[in-house]
Amino acid sequence: IIAYVAQYLPFTVYFMTSYYSGIPR
């Protein structure tokens, strides 16, 4: 589980950051 989280976390963080950037502050 740790290996999977480490492997796929960067892309997931990037995607969520991009999405949340469109939410008004």
PDBML (XML) file of the C-alpha atoms, coordinates in Angstrom:
<?xml version="1.0" encoding="UTF-8" ?>
<PDBx:datablock datablockName="MODEL"
   xmlns:PDBx="http://pdbml.pdb.org/schema/pdbx-v50.xsd"
   xmlns:xsi="http://www.w3.org/2001/XMLSchema-instance"
   xsi:schemaLocation="http://pdbml.pdb.org/schema/pdbx-v50.xsd pdbx-v50.xsd">
   <PDBx:atom_siteCategory>
      <PDBx:atom_site id="1">
         <PDBx:B_iso_or_equiv>0.00</PDBx:B_iso_or_equiv>
         <PDBx:Cartn_x>0.000</PDBx:Cartn_x>
         <PDBx:Cartn_y>0.000</PDBx:Cartn_y>
         <PDBx:Cartn_z>0.000</PDBx:Cartn_z>
         <PDBx:auth_asym_id>A</PDBx:auth_asym_id>
         <PDBx:auth_atom_id>CA</PDBx:auth_atom_id>
         <PDBx:auth_comp_id>ILE</PDBx:auth_comp_id>
         <PDBx:auth_seq_id>1</PDBx:auth_seq_id>
         <PDBx:group_PDB>ATOM</PDBx:group_PDB>
         <PDBx:label_alt_id xsi:nil="true" />
         <PDBx:label_asym_id>A</PDBx:label_asym_id>
         <PDBx:label_atom_id>CA</PDBx:label_atom_id>
         <PDBx:label_comp_id>ILE</PDBx:label_comp_id>
         <PDBx:label_entity_id>1</PDBx:label_entity_id>
         <PDBx:label_seq_id>1</PDBx:label_seq_id>
         <PDBx:occupancy>1.00</PDBx:occupancy>
         <PDBx:pdbx_PDB_model_num>1</PDBx:pdbx_PDB_model_num>
         <PDBx:type_symbol>C</PDBx:type_symbol>
      </PDBx:atom_site>
      <PDBx:atom_site id="2">
         <PDBx:B_iso_or_equiv>0.00</PDBx:B_iso_or_equiv>
         <PDBx:Cartn_x>2.826</PDBx:Cartn_x>
         <PDBx:Cartn_y>2.414</PDBx:Cartn_y>
         <PDBx:Cartn_z>0.852</PDBx:Cartn_z>
         <PDBx:auth_asym_id>A</PDBx:auth_asym_id>
         <PDBx:auth_atom_id>CA</PDBx:auth_atom_id>
         <PDBx:auth_comp_id>ILE</PDBx:auth_comp_id>
         <PDBx:auth_seq_id>2</PDBx:auth_seq_id>
         <PDBx:group_PDB>ATOM</PDBx:group_PDB>
         <PDBx:label_alt_id xsi:nil="true" />
         <PDBx:label_asym_id>A</PDBx:label_asym_id>
         <PDBx:label_atom_id>CA</PDBx:label_atom_id>
         <PDBx:label_comp_id>ILE</PDBx:label_comp_id>
         <PDBx:label_entity_id>1</PDBx:label_entity_id>
         <PDBx:label_seq_id>2</PDBx:label_seq_id>
         <PDBx:occupancy>1.00</PDBx:occupancy>
         <PDBx:pdbx_PDB_model_num>1</PDBx:pdbx_PDB_model_num>
         <PDBx:type_symbol>C</PDBx:type_symbol>
      </PDBx:atom_site>
      <PDBx:atom_site id="3">
         <PDBx:B_iso_or_equiv>0.00</PDBx:B_iso_or_equiv>
         <PDBx:Cartn_x>4.504</PDBx:Cartn_x>
         <PDBx:Cartn_y>1.642</PDBx:Cartn_y>
         <PDBx:Cartn_z>-2.481</PDBx:Cartn_z>
         <PDBx:auth_asym_id>A</PDBx:auth_asym_id>
         <PDBx:auth_atom_id>CA</PDBx:auth_atom_id>
         <PDBx:auth_comp_id>ALA</PDBx:auth_comp_id>
         <PDBx:auth_seq_id>3</PDBx:auth_seq_id>
         <PDBx:group_PDB>ATOM</PDBx:group_PDB>
         <PDBx:label_alt_id xsi:nil="true" />
         <PDBx:label_asym_id>A</PDBx:label_asym_id>
         <PDBx:label_atom_id>CA</PDBx:label_atom_id>
         <PDBx:label_comp_id>ALA</PDBx:label_comp_id>
         <PDBx:label_entity_id>1</PDBx:label_entity_id>
         <PDBx:label_seq_id>3</PDBx:label_seq_id>
         <PDBx:occupancy>1.00</PDBx:occupancy>
         <PDBx:pdbx_PDB_model_num>1</PDBx:pdbx_PDB_model_num>
         <PDBx:type_symbol>C</PDBx:type_symbol>
      </PDBx:atom_site>
      <PDBx:atom_site id="4">
         <PDBx:B_iso_or_equiv>0.00</PDBx:B_iso_or_equiv>
         <PDBx:Cartn_x>1.289</PDBx:Cartn_x>
         <PDBx:Cartn_y>2.324</PDBx:Cartn_y>
         <PDBx:Cartn_z>-4.402</PDBx:Cartn_z>
         <PDBx:auth_asym_id>A</PDBx:auth_asym_id>
         <PDBx:auth_atom_id>CA</PDBx:auth_atom_id>
         <PDBx:auth_comp_id>TYR</PDBx:auth_comp_id>
         <PDBx:auth_seq_id>4</PDBx:auth_seq_id>
         <PDBx:group_PDB>ATOM</PDBx:group_PDB>
         <PDBx:label_alt_id xsi:nil="true" />
         <PDBx:label_asym_id>A</PDBx:label_asym_id>
         <PDBx:label_atom_id>CA</PDBx:label_atom_id>
         <PDBx:label_comp_id>TYR</PDBx:label_comp_id>
         <PDBx:label_entity_id>1</PDBx:label_entity_id>
         <PDBx:label_seq_id>4</PDBx:label_seq_id>
         <PDBx:occupancy>1.00</PDBx:occupancy>
         <PDBx:pdbx_PDB_model_num>1</PDBx:pdbx_PDB_model_num>
         <PDBx:type_symbol>C</PDBx:type_symbol>
      </PDBx:atom_site>
      <PDBx:atom_site id="5">
         <PDBx:B_iso_or_equiv>0.00</PDBx:B_iso_or_equiv>
         <PDBx:Cartn_x>0.604</PDBx:Cartn_x>
         <PDBx:Cartn_y>5.569</PDBx:Cartn_y>
         <PDBx:Cartn_z>-2.549</PDBx:Cartn_z>
         <PDBx:auth_asym_id>A</PDBx:auth_asym_id>
         <PDBx:auth_atom_id>CA</PDBx:auth_atom_id>
         <PDBx:auth_comp_id>VAL</PDBx:auth_comp_id>
         <PDBx:auth_seq_id>5</PDBx:auth_seq_id>
         <PDBx:group_PDB>ATOM</PDBx:group_PDB>
         <PDBx:label_alt_id xsi:nil="true" />
         <PDBx:label_asym_id>A</PDBx:label_asym_id>
         <PDBx:label_atom_id>CA</PDBx:label_atom_id>
         <PDBx:label_comp_id>VAL</PDBx:label_comp_id>
         <PDBx:label_entity_id>1</PDBx:label_entity_id>
         <PDBx:label_seq_id>5</PDBx:label_seq_id>
         <PDBx:occupancy>1.00</PDBx:occupancy>
         <PDBx:pdbx_PDB_model_num>1</PDBx:pdbx_PDB_model_num>
         <PDBx:type_symbol>C</PDBx:type_symbol>
      </PDBx:atom_site>
      <PDBx:atom_site id="6">
         <PDBx:B_iso_or_equiv>0.00</PDBx:B_iso_or_equiv>
         <PDBx:Cartn_x>4.157</PDBx:Cartn_x>
         <PDBx:Cartn_y>6.773</PDBx:Cartn_y>
         <PDBx:Cartn_z>-3.172</PDBx:Cartn_z>
         <PDBx:auth_asym_id>A</PDBx:auth_asym_id>
         <PDBx:auth_atom_id>CA</PDBx:auth_atom_id>
         <PDBx:auth_comp_id>ALA</PDBx:auth_comp_id>
         <PDBx:auth_seq_id>6</PDBx:auth_seq_id>
         <PDBx:group_PDB>ATOM</PDBx:group_PDB>
         <PDBx:label_alt_id xsi:nil="true" />
         <PDBx:label_asym_id>A</PDBx:label_asym_id>
         <PDBx:label_atom_id>CA</PDBx:label_atom_id>
         <PDBx:label_comp_id>ALA</PDBx:label_comp_id>
         <PDBx:label_entity_id>1</PDBx:label_entity_id>
         <PDBx:label_seq_id>6</PDBx:label_seq_id>
         <PDBx:occupancy>1.00</PDBx:occupancy>
         <PDBx:pdbx_PDB_model_num>1</PDBx:pdbx_PDB_model_num>
         <PDBx:type_symbol>C</PDBx:type_symbol>
      </PDBx:atom_site>
      <PDBx:atom_site id="7">
         <PDBx:B_iso_or_equiv>0.00</PDBx:B_iso_or_equiv>
         <PDBx:Cartn_x>3.942</PDBx:Cartn_x>
         <PDBx:Cartn_y>5.850</PDBx:Cartn_y>
         <PDBx:Cartn_z>-6.850</PDBx:Cartn_z>
         <PDBx:auth_asym_id>A</PDBx:auth_asym_id>
         <PDBx:auth_atom_id>CA</PDBx:auth_atom_id>
         <PDBx:auth_comp_id>GLN</PDBx:auth_comp_id>
         <PDBx:auth_seq_id>7</PDBx:auth_seq_id>
         <PDBx:group_PDB>ATOM</PDBx:group_PDB>
         <PDBx:label_alt_id xsi:nil="true" />
         <PDBx:label_asym_id>A</PDBx:label_asym_id>
         <PDBx:label_atom_id>CA</PDBx:label_atom_id>
         <PDBx:label_comp_id>GLN</PDBx:label_comp_id>
         <PDBx:label_entity_id>1</PDBx:label_entity_id>
         <PDBx:label_seq_id>7</PDBx:label_seq_id>
         <PDBx:occupancy>1.00</PDBx:occupancy>
         <PDBx:pdbx_PDB_model_num>1</PDBx:pdbx_PDB_model_num>
         <PDBx:type_symbol>C</PDBx:type_symbol>
      </PDBx:atom_site>
      <PDBx:atom_site id="8">
         <PDBx:B_iso_or_equiv>0.00</PDBx:B_iso_or_equiv>
         <PDBx:Cartn_x>0.592</PDBx:Cartn_x>
         <PDBx:Cartn_y>7.471</PDBx:Cartn_y>
         <PDBx:Cartn_z>-7.691</PDBx:Cartn_z>
         <PDBx:auth_asym_id>A</PDBx:auth_asym_id>
         <PDBx:auth_atom_id>CA</PDBx:auth_atom_id>
         <PDBx:auth_comp_id>TYR</PDBx:auth_comp_id>
         <PDBx:auth_seq_id>8</PDBx:auth_seq_id>
         <PDBx:group_PDB>ATOM</PDBx:group_PDB>
         <PDBx:label_alt_id xsi:nil="true" />
         <PDBx:label_asym_id>A</PDBx:label_asym_id>
         <PDBx:label_atom_id>CA</PDBx:label_atom_id>
         <PDBx:label_comp_id>TYR</PDBx:label_comp_id>
         <PDBx:label_entity_id>1</PDBx:label_entity_id>
         <PDBx:label_seq_id>8</PDBx:label_seq_id>
         <PDBx:occupancy>1.00</PDBx:occupancy>
         <PDBx:pdbx_PDB_model_num>1</PDBx:pdbx_PDB_model_num>
         <PDBx:type_symbol>C</PDBx:type_symbol>
      </PDBx:atom_site>
      <PDBx:atom_site id="9">
         <PDBx:B_iso_or_equiv>0.00</PDBx:B_iso_or_equiv>
         <PDBx:Cartn_x>0.469</PDBx:Cartn_x>
         <PDBx:Cartn_y>10.354</PDBx:Cartn_y>
         <PDBx:Cartn_z>-5.205</PDBx:Cartn_z>
         <PDBx:auth_asym_id>A</PDBx:auth_asym_id>
         <PDBx:auth_atom_id>CA</PDBx:auth_atom_id>
         <PDBx:auth_comp_id>LEU</PDBx:auth_comp_id>
         <PDBx:auth_seq_id>9</PDBx:auth_seq_id>
         <PDBx:group_PDB>ATOM</PDBx:group_PDB>
         <PDBx:label_alt_id xsi:nil="true" />
         <PDBx:label_asym_id>A</PDBx:label_asym_id>
         <PDBx:label_atom_id>CA</PDBx:label_atom_id>
         <PDBx:label_comp_id>LEU</PDBx:label_comp_id>
         <PDBx:label_entity_id>1</PDBx:label_entity_id>
         <PDBx:label_seq_id>9</PDBx:label_seq_id>
         <PDBx:occupancy>1.00</PDBx:occupancy>
         <PDBx:pdbx_PDB_model_num>1</PDBx:pdbx_PDB_model_num>
         <PDBx:type_symbol>C</PDBx:type_symbol>
      </PDBx:atom_site>
      <PDBx:atom_site id="10">
         <PDBx:B_iso_or_equiv>0.00</PDBx:B_iso_or_equiv>
         <PDBx:Cartn_x>2.395</PDBx:Cartn_x>
         <PDBx:Cartn_y>12.950</PDBx:Cartn_y>
         <PDBx:Cartn_z>-7.301</PDBx:Cartn_z>
         <PDBx:auth_asym_id>A</PDBx:auth_asym_id>
         <PDBx:auth_atom_id>CA</PDBx:auth_atom_id>
         <PDBx:auth_comp_id>PRO</PDBx:auth_comp_id>
         <PDBx:auth_seq_id>10</PDBx:auth_seq_id>
         <PDBx:group_PDB>ATOM</PDBx:group_PDB>
         <PDBx:label_alt_id xsi:nil="true" />
         <PDBx:label_asym_id>A</PDBx:label_asym_id>
         <PDBx:label_atom_id>CA</PDBx:label_atom_id>
         <PDBx:label_comp_id>PRO</PDBx:label_comp_id>
         <PDBx:label_entity_id>1</PDBx:label_entity_id>
         <PDBx:label_seq_id>10</PDBx:label_seq_id>
         <PDBx:occupancy>1.00</PDBx:occupancy>
         <PDBx:pdbx_PDB_model_num>1</PDBx:pdbx_PDB_model_num>
         <PDBx:type_symbol>C</PDBx:type_symbol>
      </PDBx:atom_site>
      <PDBx:atom_site id="11">
         <PDBx:B_iso_or_equiv>0.00</PDBx:B_iso_or_equiv>
         <PDBx:Cartn_x>-0.008</PDBx:Cartn_x>
         <PDBx:Cartn_y>12.790</PDBx:Cartn_y>
         <PDBx:Cartn_z>-10.240</PDBx:Cartn_z>
         <PDBx:auth_asym_id>A</PDBx:auth_asym_id>
         <PDBx:auth_atom_id>CA</PDBx:auth_atom_id>
         <PDBx:auth_comp_id>PHE</PDBx:auth_comp_id>
         <PDBx:auth_seq_id>11</PDBx:auth_seq_id>
         <PDBx:group_PDB>ATOM</PDBx:group_PDB>
         <PDBx:label_alt_id xsi:nil="true" />
         <PDBx:label_asym_id>A</PDBx:label_asym_id>
         <PDBx:label_atom_id>CA</PDBx:label_atom_id>
         <PDBx:label_comp_id>PHE</PDBx:label_comp_id>
         <PDBx:label_entity_id>1</PDBx:label_entity_id>
         <PDBx:label_seq_id>11</PDBx:label_seq_id>
         <PDBx:occupancy>1.00</PDBx:occupancy>
         <PDBx:pdbx_PDB_model_num>1</PDBx:pdbx_PDB_model_num>
         <PDBx:type_symbol>C</PDBx:type_symbol>
      </PDBx:atom_site>
      <PDBx:atom_site id="12">
         <PDBx:B_iso_or_equiv>0.00</PDBx:B_iso_or_equiv>
         <PDBx:Cartn_x>-3.044</PDBx:Cartn_x>
         <PDBx:Cartn_y>12.795</PDBx:Cartn_y>
         <PDBx:Cartn_z>-7.948</PDBx:Cartn_z>
         <PDBx:auth_asym_id>A</PDBx:auth_asym_id>
         <PDBx:auth_atom_id>CA</PDBx:auth_atom_id>
         <PDBx:auth_comp_id>THR</PDBx:auth_comp_id>
         <PDBx:auth_seq_id>12</PDBx:auth_seq_id>
         <PDBx:group_PDB>ATOM</PDBx:group_PDB>
         <PDBx:label_alt_id xsi:nil="true" />
         <PDBx:label_asym_id>A</PDBx:label_asym_id>
         <PDBx:label_atom_id>CA</PDBx:label_atom_id>
         <PDBx:label_comp_id>THR</PDBx:label_comp_id>
         <PDBx:label_entity_id>1</PDBx:label_entity_id>
         <PDBx:label_seq_id>12</PDBx:label_seq_id>
         <PDBx:occupancy>1.00</PDBx:occupancy>
         <PDBx:pdbx_PDB_model_num>1</PDBx:pdbx_PDB_model_num>
         <PDBx:type_symbol>C</PDBx:type_symbol>
      </PDBx:atom_site>
      <PDBx:atom_site id="13">
         <PDBx:B_iso_or_equiv>0.00</PDBx:B_iso_or_equiv>
         <PDBx:Cartn_x>-1.722</PDBx:Cartn_x>
         <PDBx:Cartn_y>15.825</PDBx:Cartn_y>
         <PDBx:Cartn_z>-6.030</PDBx:Cartn_z>
         <PDBx:auth_asym_id>A</PDBx:auth_asym_id>
         <PDBx:auth_atom_id>CA</PDBx:auth_atom_id>
         <PDBx:auth_comp_id>VAL</PDBx:auth_comp_id>
         <PDBx:auth_seq_id>13</PDBx:auth_seq_id>
         <PDBx:group_PDB>ATOM</PDBx:group_PDB>
         <PDBx:label_alt_id xsi:nil="true" />
         <PDBx:label_asym_id>A</PDBx:label_asym_id>
         <PDBx:label_atom_id>CA</PDBx:label_atom_id>
         <PDBx:label_comp_id>VAL</PDBx:label_comp_id>
         <PDBx:label_entity_id>1</PDBx:label_entity_id>
         <PDBx:label_seq_id>13</PDBx:label_seq_id>
         <PDBx:occupancy>1.00</PDBx:occupancy>
         <PDBx:pdbx_PDB_model_num>1</PDBx:pdbx_PDB_model_num>
         <PDBx:type_symbol>C</PDBx:type_symbol>
      </PDBx:atom_site>
      <PDBx:atom_site id="14">
         <PDBx:B_iso_or_equiv>0.00</PDBx:B_iso_or_equiv>
         <PDBx:Cartn_x>-1.013</PDBx:Cartn_x>
         <PDBx:Cartn_y>17.641</PDBx:Cartn_y>
         <PDBx:Cartn_z>-9.299</PDBx:Cartn_z>
         <PDBx:auth_asym_id>A</PDBx:auth_asym_id>
         <PDBx:auth_atom_id>CA</PDBx:auth_atom_id>
         <PDBx:auth_comp_id>TYR</PDBx:auth_comp_id>
         <PDBx:auth_seq_id>14</PDBx:auth_seq_id>
         <PDBx:group_PDB>ATOM</PDBx:group_PDB>
         <PDBx:label_alt_id xsi:nil="true" />
         <PDBx:label_asym_id>A</PDBx:label_asym_id>
         <PDBx:label_atom_id>CA</PDBx:label_atom_id>
         <PDBx:label_comp_id>TYR</PDBx:label_comp_id>
         <PDBx:label_entity_id>1</PDBx:label_entity_id>
         <PDBx:label_seq_id>14</PDBx:label_seq_id>
         <PDBx:occupancy>1.00</PDBx:occupancy>
         <PDBx:pdbx_PDB_model_num>1</PDBx:pdbx_PDB_model_num>
         <PDBx:type_symbol>C</PDBx:type_symbol>
      </PDBx:atom_site>
      <PDBx:atom_site id="15">
         <PDBx:B_iso_or_equiv>0.00</PDBx:B_iso_or_equiv>
         <PDBx:Cartn_x>-4.517</PDBx:Cartn_x>
         <PDBx:Cartn_y>16.935</PDBx:Cartn_y>
         <PDBx:Cartn_z>-10.587</PDBx:Cartn_z>
         <PDBx:auth_asym_id>A</PDBx:auth_asym_id>
         <PDBx:auth_atom_id>CA</PDBx:auth_atom_id>
         <PDBx:auth_comp_id>PHE</PDBx:auth_comp_id>
         <PDBx:auth_seq_id>15</PDBx:auth_seq_id>
         <PDBx:group_PDB>ATOM</PDBx:group_PDB>
         <PDBx:label_alt_id xsi:nil="true" />
         <PDBx:label_asym_id>A</PDBx:label_asym_id>
         <PDBx:label_atom_id>CA</PDBx:label_atom_id>
         <PDBx:label_comp_id>PHE</PDBx:label_comp_id>
         <PDBx:label_entity_id>1</PDBx:label_entity_id>
         <PDBx:label_seq_id>15</PDBx:label_seq_id>
         <PDBx:occupancy>1.00</PDBx:occupancy>
         <PDBx:pdbx_PDB_model_num>1</PDBx:pdbx_PDB_model_num>
         <PDBx:type_symbol>C</PDBx:type_symbol>
      </PDBx:atom_site>
      <PDBx:atom_site id="16">
         <PDBx:B_iso_or_equiv>0.00</PDBx:B_iso_or_equiv>
         <PDBx:Cartn_x>-6.241</PDBx:Cartn_x>
         <PDBx:Cartn_y>18.014</PDBx:Cartn_y>
         <PDBx:Cartn_z>-7.353</PDBx:Cartn_z>
         <PDBx:auth_asym_id>A</PDBx:auth_asym_id>
         <PDBx:auth_atom_id>CA</PDBx:auth_atom_id>
         <PDBx:auth_comp_id>MET</PDBx:auth_comp_id>
         <PDBx:auth_seq_id>16</PDBx:auth_seq_id>
         <PDBx:group_PDB>ATOM</PDBx:group_PDB>
         <PDBx:label_alt_id xsi:nil="true" />
         <PDBx:label_asym_id>A</PDBx:label_asym_id>
         <PDBx:label_atom_id>CA</PDBx:label_atom_id>
         <PDBx:label_comp_id>MET</PDBx:label_comp_id>
         <PDBx:label_entity_id>1</PDBx:label_entity_id>
         <PDBx:label_seq_id>16</PDBx:label_seq_id>
         <PDBx:occupancy>1.00</PDBx:occupancy>
         <PDBx:pdbx_PDB_model_num>1</PDBx:pdbx_PDB_model_num>
         <PDBx:type_symbol>C</PDBx:type_symbol>
      </PDBx:atom_site>
      <PDBx:atom_site id="17">
         <PDBx:B_iso_or_equiv>0.00</PDBx:B_iso_or_equiv>
         <PDBx:Cartn_x>-4.116</PDBx:Cartn_x>
         <PDBx:Cartn_y>21.177</PDBx:Cartn_y>
         <PDBx:Cartn_z>-7.155</PDBx:Cartn_z>
         <PDBx:auth_asym_id>A</PDBx:auth_asym_id>
         <PDBx:auth_atom_id>CA</PDBx:auth_atom_id>
         <PDBx:auth_comp_id>THR</PDBx:auth_comp_id>
         <PDBx:auth_seq_id>17</PDBx:auth_seq_id>
         <PDBx:group_PDB>ATOM</PDBx:group_PDB>
         <PDBx:label_alt_id xsi:nil="true" />
         <PDBx:label_asym_id>A</PDBx:label_asym_id>
         <PDBx:label_atom_id>CA</PDBx:label_atom_id>
         <PDBx:label_comp_id>THR</PDBx:label_comp_id>
         <PDBx:label_entity_id>1</PDBx:label_entity_id>
         <PDBx:label_seq_id>17</PDBx:label_seq_id>
         <PDBx:occupancy>1.00</PDBx:occupancy>
         <PDBx:pdbx_PDB_model_num>1</PDBx:pdbx_PDB_model_num>
         <PDBx:type_symbol>C</PDBx:type_symbol>
      </PDBx:atom_site>
      <PDBx:atom_site id="18">
         <PDBx:B_iso_or_equiv>0.00</PDBx:B_iso_or_equiv>
         <PDBx:Cartn_x>-5.085</PDBx:Cartn_x>
         <PDBx:Cartn_y>22.088</PDBx:Cartn_y>
         <PDBx:Cartn_z>-10.705</PDBx:Cartn_z>
         <PDBx:auth_asym_id>A</PDBx:auth_asym_id>
         <PDBx:auth_atom_id>CA</PDBx:auth_atom_id>
         <PDBx:auth_comp_id>SER</PDBx:auth_comp_id>
         <PDBx:auth_seq_id>18</PDBx:auth_seq_id>
         <PDBx:group_PDB>ATOM</PDBx:group_PDB>
         <PDBx:label_alt_id xsi:nil="true" />
         <PDBx:label_asym_id>A</PDBx:label_asym_id>
         <PDBx:label_atom_id>CA</PDBx:label_atom_id>
         <PDBx:label_comp_id>SER</PDBx:label_comp_id>
         <PDBx:label_entity_id>1</PDBx:label_entity_id>
         <PDBx:label_seq_id>18</PDBx:label_seq_id>
         <PDBx:occupancy>1.00</PDBx:occupancy>
         <PDBx:pdbx_PDB_model_num>1</PDBx:pdbx_PDB_model_num>
         <PDBx:type_symbol>C</PDBx:type_symbol>
      </PDBx:atom_site>
      <PDBx:atom_site id="19">
         <PDBx:B_iso_or_equiv>0.00</PDBx:B_iso_or_equiv>
         <PDBx:Cartn_x>-8.755</PDBx:Cartn_x>
         <PDBx:Cartn_y>21.473</PDBx:Cartn_y>
         <PDBx:Cartn_z>-9.960</PDBx:Cartn_z>
         <PDBx:auth_asym_id>A</PDBx:auth_asym_id>
         <PDBx:auth_atom_id>CA</PDBx:auth_atom_id>
         <PDBx:auth_comp_id>TYR</PDBx:auth_comp_id>
         <PDBx:auth_seq_id>19</PDBx:auth_seq_id>
         <PDBx:group_PDB>ATOM</PDBx:group_PDB>
         <PDBx:label_alt_id xsi:nil="true" />
         <PDBx:label_asym_id>A</PDBx:label_asym_id>
         <PDBx:label_atom_id>CA</PDBx:label_atom_id>
         <PDBx:label_comp_id>TYR</PDBx:label_comp_id>
         <PDBx:label_entity_id>1</PDBx:label_entity_id>
         <PDBx:label_seq_id>19</PDBx:label_seq_id>
         <PDBx:occupancy>1.00</PDBx:occupancy>
         <PDBx:pdbx_PDB_model_num>1</PDBx:pdbx_PDB_model_num>
         <PDBx:type_symbol>C</PDBx:type_symbol>
      </PDBx:atom_site>
      <PDBx:atom_site id="20">
         <PDBx:B_iso_or_equiv>0.00</PDBx:B_iso_or_equiv>
         <PDBx:Cartn_x>-8.779</PDBx:Cartn_x>
         <PDBx:Cartn_y>23.355</PDBx:Cartn_y>
         <PDBx:Cartn_z>-6.659</PDBx:Cartn_z>
         <PDBx:auth_asym_id>A</PDBx:auth_asym_id>
         <PDBx:auth_atom_id>CA</PDBx:auth_atom_id>
         <PDBx:auth_comp_id>TYR</PDBx:auth_comp_id>
         <PDBx:auth_seq_id>20</PDBx:auth_seq_id>
         <PDBx:group_PDB>ATOM</PDBx:group_PDB>
         <PDBx:label_alt_id xsi:nil="true" />
         <PDBx:label_asym_id>A</PDBx:label_asym_id>
         <PDBx:label_atom_id>CA</PDBx:label_atom_id>
         <PDBx:label_comp_id>TYR</PDBx:label_comp_id>
         <PDBx:label_entity_id>1</PDBx:label_entity_id>
         <PDBx:label_seq_id>20</PDBx:label_seq_id>
         <PDBx:occupancy>1.00</PDBx:occupancy>
         <PDBx:pdbx_PDB_model_num>1</PDBx:pdbx_PDB_model_num>
         <PDBx:type_symbol>C</PDBx:type_symbol>
      </PDBx:atom_site>
      <PDBx:atom_site id="21">
         <PDBx:B_iso_or_equiv>0.00</PDBx:B_iso_or_equiv>
         <PDBx:Cartn_x>-7.046</PDBx:Cartn_x>
         <PDBx:Cartn_y>26.334</PDBx:Cartn_y>
         <PDBx:Cartn_z>-8.301</PDBx:Cartn_z>
         <PDBx:auth_asym_id>A</PDBx:auth_asym_id>
         <PDBx:auth_atom_id>CA</PDBx:auth_atom_id>
         <PDBx:auth_comp_id>SER</PDBx:auth_comp_id>
         <PDBx:auth_seq_id>21</PDBx:auth_seq_id>
         <PDBx:group_PDB>ATOM</PDBx:group_PDB>
         <PDBx:label_alt_id xsi:nil="true" />
         <PDBx:label_asym_id>A</PDBx:label_asym_id>
         <PDBx:label_atom_id>CA</PDBx:label_atom_id>
         <PDBx:label_comp_id>SER</PDBx:label_comp_id>
         <PDBx:label_entity_id>1</PDBx:label_entity_id>
         <PDBx:label_seq_id>21</PDBx:label_seq_id>
         <PDBx:occupancy>1.00</PDBx:occupancy>
         <PDBx:pdbx_PDB_model_num>1</PDBx:pdbx_PDB_model_num>
         <PDBx:type_symbol>C</PDBx:type_symbol>
      </PDBx:atom_site>
      <PDBx:atom_site id="22">
         <PDBx:B_iso_or_equiv>0.00</PDBx:B_iso_or_equiv>
         <PDBx:Cartn_x>-10.320</PDBx:Cartn_x>
         <PDBx:Cartn_y>27.014</PDBx:Cartn_y>
         <PDBx:Cartn_z>-10.111</PDBx:Cartn_z>
         <PDBx:auth_asym_id>A</PDBx:auth_asym_id>
         <PDBx:auth_atom_id>CA</PDBx:auth_atom_id>
         <PDBx:auth_comp_id>GLY</PDBx:auth_comp_id>
         <PDBx:auth_seq_id>22</PDBx:auth_seq_id>
         <PDBx:group_PDB>ATOM</PDBx:group_PDB>
         <PDBx:label_alt_id xsi:nil="true" />
         <PDBx:label_asym_id>A</PDBx:label_asym_id>
         <PDBx:label_atom_id>CA</PDBx:label_atom_id>
         <PDBx:label_comp_id>GLY</PDBx:label_comp_id>
         <PDBx:label_entity_id>1</PDBx:label_entity_id>
         <PDBx:label_seq_id>22</PDBx:label_seq_id>
         <PDBx:occupancy>1.00</PDBx:occupancy>
         <PDBx:pdbx_PDB_model_num>1</PDBx:pdbx_PDB_model_num>
         <PDBx:type_symbol>C</PDBx:type_symbol>
      </PDBx:atom_site>
      <PDBx:atom_site id="23">
         <PDBx:B_iso_or_equiv>0.00</PDBx:B_iso_or_equiv>
         <PDBx:Cartn_x>-12.267</PDBx:Cartn_x>
         <PDBx:Cartn_y>27.350</PDBx:Cartn_y>
         <PDBx:Cartn_z>-6.855</PDBx:Cartn_z>
         <PDBx:auth_asym_id>A</PDBx:auth_asym_id>
         <PDBx:auth_atom_id>CA</PDBx:auth_atom_id>
         <PDBx:auth_comp_id>ILE</PDBx:auth_comp_id>
         <PDBx:auth_seq_id>23</PDBx:auth_seq_id>
         <PDBx:group_PDB>ATOM</PDBx:group_PDB>
         <PDBx:label_alt_id xsi:nil="true" />
         <PDBx:label_asym_id>A</PDBx:label_asym_id>
         <PDBx:label_atom_id>CA</PDBx:label_atom_id>
         <PDBx:label_comp_id>ILE</PDBx:label_comp_id>
         <PDBx:label_entity_id>1</PDBx:label_entity_id>
         <PDBx:label_seq_id>23</PDBx:label_seq_id>
         <PDBx:occupancy>1.00</PDBx:occupancy>
         <PDBx:pdbx_PDB_model_num>1</PDBx:pdbx_PDB_model_num>
         <PDBx:type_symbol>C</PDBx:type_symbol>
      </PDBx:atom_site>
      <PDBx:atom_site id="24">
         <PDBx:B_iso_or_equiv>0.00</PDBx:B_iso_or_equiv>
         <PDBx:Cartn_x>-12.551</PDBx:Cartn_x>
         <PDBx:Cartn_y>31.058</PDBx:Cartn_y>
         <PDBx:Cartn_z>-5.858</PDBx:Cartn_z>
         <PDBx:auth_asym_id>A</PDBx:auth_asym_id>
         <PDBx:auth_atom_id>CA</PDBx:auth_atom_id>
         <PDBx:auth_comp_id>PRO</PDBx:auth_comp_id>
         <PDBx:auth_seq_id>24</PDBx:auth_seq_id>
         <PDBx:group_PDB>ATOM</PDBx:group_PDB>
         <PDBx:label_alt_id xsi:nil="true" />
         <PDBx:label_asym_id>A</PDBx:label_asym_id>
         <PDBx:label_atom_id>CA</PDBx:label_atom_id>
         <PDBx:label_comp_id>PRO</PDBx:label_comp_id>
         <PDBx:label_entity_id>1</PDBx:label_entity_id>
         <PDBx:label_seq_id>24</PDBx:label_seq_id>
         <PDBx:occupancy>1.00</PDBx:occupancy>
         <PDBx:pdbx_PDB_model_num>1</PDBx:pdbx_PDB_model_num>
         <PDBx:type_symbol>C</PDBx:type_symbol>
      </PDBx:atom_site>
      <PDBx:atom_site id="25">
         <PDBx:B_iso_or_equiv>0.00</PDBx:B_iso_or_equiv>
         <PDBx:Cartn_x>-10.516</PDBx:Cartn_x>
         <PDBx:Cartn_y>32.025</PDBx:Cartn_y>
         <PDBx:Cartn_z>-2.821</PDBx:Cartn_z>
         <PDBx:auth_asym_id>A</PDBx:auth_asym_id>
         <PDBx:auth_atom_id>CA</PDBx:auth_atom_id>
         <PDBx:auth_comp_id>ARG</PDBx:auth_comp_id>
         <PDBx:auth_seq_id>25</PDBx:auth_seq_id>
         <PDBx:group_PDB>ATOM</PDBx:group_PDB>
         <PDBx:label_alt_id xsi:nil="true" />
         <PDBx:label_asym_id>A</PDBx:label_asym_id>
         <PDBx:label_atom_id>CA</PDBx:label_atom_id>
         <PDBx:label_comp_id>ARG</PDBx:label_comp_id>
         <PDBx:label_entity_id>1</PDBx:label_entity_id>
         <PDBx:label_seq_id>25</PDBx:label_seq_id>
         <PDBx:occupancy>1.00</PDBx:occupancy>
         <PDBx:pdbx_PDB_model_num>1</PDBx:pdbx_PDB_model_num>
         <PDBx:type_symbol>C</PDBx:type_symbol>
      </PDBx:atom_site>
   </PDBx:atom_siteCategory>
</PDBx:datablock>
